[in-house]
Amino acid sequence: METDTALSPWQQLELLQAELVARGWAPELRGTEHQPYLCVANPDDPGLNGMVTASHGHYRWTWGPVLGPLEDVPRTADTILTVLREVGP
């Protein structure tokens, strides 16, 4: 019998959460097991924030745009940090 080894959306978001924590950020996993989302905020400016889901093979902002494939957690983290980074003078 073949076992499904695919990760759930919750588990996919835990991977991304761990990557962001390793980079000094403190994202919070929220929602339900069936509809989880990751709240990510810039630690230096919490007003710069967003919510991320894992669906259809990609990490996405909750409003729809794709951040990166589920298989590339580091690149997705790079994208999130770029978008939520402070822009200095």
C-alpha atoms as a PDB file:
ATOM      1  CA  MET A   1       0.000   0.000   0.000  1.00  0.00           C
ATOM      2  CA  GLU A   2       1.315   3.417  -0.953  1.00  0.00           C
ATOM      3  CA  THR A   3       1.410   6.114   1.717  1.00  0.00           C
ATOM      4  CA  ASP A   4       0.744   9.769   0.948  1.00  0.00           C
ATOM      5  CA  THR A   5       3.867  11.615   2.126  1.00  0.00           C
ATOM      6  CA  ALA A   6       2.727  15.057   0.975  1.00  0.00           C
ATOM      7  CA  LEU A   7       2.843  17.711   3.654  1.00  0.00           C
ATOM      8  CA  SER A   8      -0.327  19.459   4.758  1.00  0.00           C
ATOM      9  CA  PRO A   9      -0.669  23.233   4.311  1.00  0.00           C
ATOM     10  CA  TRP A  10      -0.078  23.591   8.078  1.00  0.00           C
ATOM     11  CA  GLN A  11       3.183  21.635   7.802  1.00  0.00           C
ATOM     12  CA  GLN A  12       4.264  23.647   4.747  1.00  0.00           C
ATOM     13  CA  LEU A  13       3.705  26.859   6.699  1.00  0.00           C
ATOM     14  CA  GLU A  14       5.673  25.448   9.640  1.00  0.00           C
ATOM     15  CA  LEU A  15       8.638  24.984   7.288  1.00  0.00           C
ATOM     16  CA  LEU A  16       8.392  28.600   6.148  1.00  0.00           C
ATOM     17  CA  GLN A  17       7.937  29.757   9.732  1.00  0.00           C
ATOM     18  CA  ALA A  18      11.136  27.954  10.771  1.00  0.00           C
ATOM     19  CA  GLU A  19      13.059  29.555   7.899  1.00  0.00           C
ATOM     20  CA  LEU A  20      11.871  33.037   8.892  1.00  0.00           C
ATOM     21  CA  VAL A  21      12.634  32.416  12.587  1.00  0.00           C
ATOM     22  CA  ALA A  22      16.167  31.389  11.604  1.00  0.00           C
ATOM     23  CA  ARG A  23      16.455  34.810   9.942  1.00  0.00           C
ATOM     24  CA  GLY A  24      15.428  36.687  13.090  1.00  0.00           C
ATOM     25  CA  TRP A  25      11.731  37.179  12.384  1.00  0.00           C
ATOM     26  CA  ALA A  26       8.845  35.904  14.555  1.00  0.00           C
ATOM     27  CA  PRO A  27       5.950  34.814  12.311  1.00  0.00           C
ATOM     28  CA  GLU A  28       2.841  33.343  13.946  1.00  0.00           C
ATOM     29  CA  LEU A  29       0.971  30.353  12.568  1.00  0.00           C
ATOM     30  CA  ARG A  30      -2.778  30.911  12.917  1.00  0.00           C
ATOM     31  CA  GLY A  31      -6.077  29.646  11.615  1.00  0.00           C
ATOM     32  CA  THR A  32      -7.260  26.069  11.613  1.00  0.00           C
ATOM     33  CA  GLU A  33      -5.589  22.899  10.451  1.00  0.00           C
ATOM     34  CA  HIS A  34      -7.720  23.101   7.304  1.00  0.00           C
ATOM     35  CA  GLN A  35      -7.256  26.847   6.711  1.00  0.00           C
ATOM     36  CA  PRO A  36      -3.945  27.904   8.234  1.00  0.00           C
ATOM     37  CA  TYR A  37      -2.076  31.099   7.520  1.00  0.00           C
ATOM     38  CA  LEU A  38       1.210  32.584   8.626  1.00  0.00           C
ATOM     39  CA  CYS A  39       1.236  36.147   9.978  1.00  0.00           C
ATOM     40  CA  VAL A  40       4.555  37.767   9.141  1.00  0.00           C
ATOM     41  CA  ALA A  41       5.597  41.209  10.365  1.00  0.00           C
ATOM     42  CA  ASN A  42       8.840  43.119  10.063  1.00  0.00           C
ATOM     43  CA  PRO A  43      10.334  43.011  13.581  1.00  0.00           C
ATOM     44  CA  ASP A  44      11.588  46.592  13.214  1.00  0.00           C
ATOM     45  CA  ASP A  45       8.311  47.952  11.817  1.00  0.00           C
ATOM     46  CA  PRO A  46       5.279  45.739  12.612  1.00  0.00           C
ATOM     47  CA  GLY A  47       3.172  47.920  10.320  1.00  0.00           C
ATOM     48  CA  LEU A  48       4.933  46.171   7.448  1.00  0.00           C
ATOM     49  CA  ASN A  49       3.153  42.841   7.559  1.00  0.00           C
ATOM     50  CA  GLY A  50       1.252  40.257   5.578  1.00  0.00           C
ATOM     51  CA  MET A  51      -0.439  36.882   5.768  1.00  0.00           C
ATOM     52  CA  VAL A  52       0.762  33.847   3.813  1.00  0.00           C
ATOM     53  CA  THR A  53      -1.033  30.644   2.838  1.00  0.00           C
ATOM     54  CA  ALA A  54       0.156  27.400   1.263  1.00  0.00           C
ATOM     55  CA  SER A  55      -2.050  26.153  -1.567  1.00  0.00           C
ATOM     56  CA  HIS A  56      -1.965  24.694  -5.061  1.00  0.00           C
ATOM     57  CA  GLY A  57       1.783  24.045  -4.900  1.00  0.00           C
ATOM     58  CA  HIS A  58       2.739  27.585  -3.881  1.00  0.00           C
ATOM     59  CA  TYR A  59       3.119  29.944  -0.977  1.00  0.00           C
ATOM     60  CA  ARG A  60       0.839  32.925  -1.576  1.00  0.00           C
ATOM     61  CA  TRP A  61      -0.152  36.169   0.039  1.00  0.00           C
ATOM     62  CA  THR A  62      -3.712  35.733   1.315  1.00  0.00           C
ATOM     63  CA  TRP A  63      -4.875  38.229  -1.321  1.00  0.00           C
ATOM     64  CA  GLY A  64      -3.570  35.924  -4.071  1.00  0.00           C
ATOM     65  CA  PRO A  65      -0.110  36.737  -5.484  1.00  0.00           C
ATOM     66  CA  VAL A  66       2.337  33.840  -5.541  1.00  0.00           C
ATOM     67  CA  LEU A  67       5.459  34.144  -3.381  1.00  0.00           C
ATOM     68  CA  GLY A  68       7.180  30.960  -4.478  1.00  0.00           C
ATOM     69  CA  PRO A  69       6.835  27.201  -4.901  1.00  0.00           C
ATOM     70  CA  LEU A  70       6.376  25.013  -1.829  1.00  0.00           C
ATOM     71  CA  GLU A  71       9.630  23.270  -2.744  1.00  0.00           C
ATOM     72  CA  ASP A  72      11.680  26.466  -2.385  1.00  0.00           C
ATOM     73  CA  VAL A  73      11.245  27.710   1.164  1.00  0.00           C
ATOM     74  CA  PRO A  74      14.463  29.820   1.212  1.00  0.00           C
ATOM     75  CA  ARG A  75      13.492  31.719  -1.951  1.00  0.00           C
ATOM     76  CA  THR A  76      10.000  32.311  -0.594  1.00  0.00           C
ATOM     77  CA  ALA A  77      11.480  33.672   2.636  1.00  0.00           C
ATOM     78  CA  ASP A  78      13.750  35.950   0.570  1.00  0.00           C
ATOM     79  CA  THR A  79      10.705  37.308  -1.263  1.00  0.00           C
ATOM     80  CA  ILE A  80       8.774  37.937   1.948  1.00  0.00           C
ATOM     81  CA  LEU A  81      11.716  39.750   3.540  1.00  0.00           C
ATOM     82  CA  THR A  82      12.173  41.874   0.427  1.00  0.00           C
ATOM     83  CA  VAL A  83       8.514  42.901   0.349  1.00  0.00           C
ATOM     84  CA  LEU A  84       8.269  43.598   4.096  1.00  0.00           C
ATOM     85  CA  ARG A  85      11.636  45.326   4.401  1.00  0.00           C
ATOM     86  CA  GLU A  86      11.796  48.952   5.408  1.00  0.00           C
ATOM     87  CA  VAL A  87      12.742  51.340   2.653  1.00  0.00           C
ATOM     88  CA  GLY A  88      15.171  53.895   3.976  1.00  0.00           C
ATOM     89  CA  PRO A  89      15.808  57.445   2.749  1.00  0.00           C
END
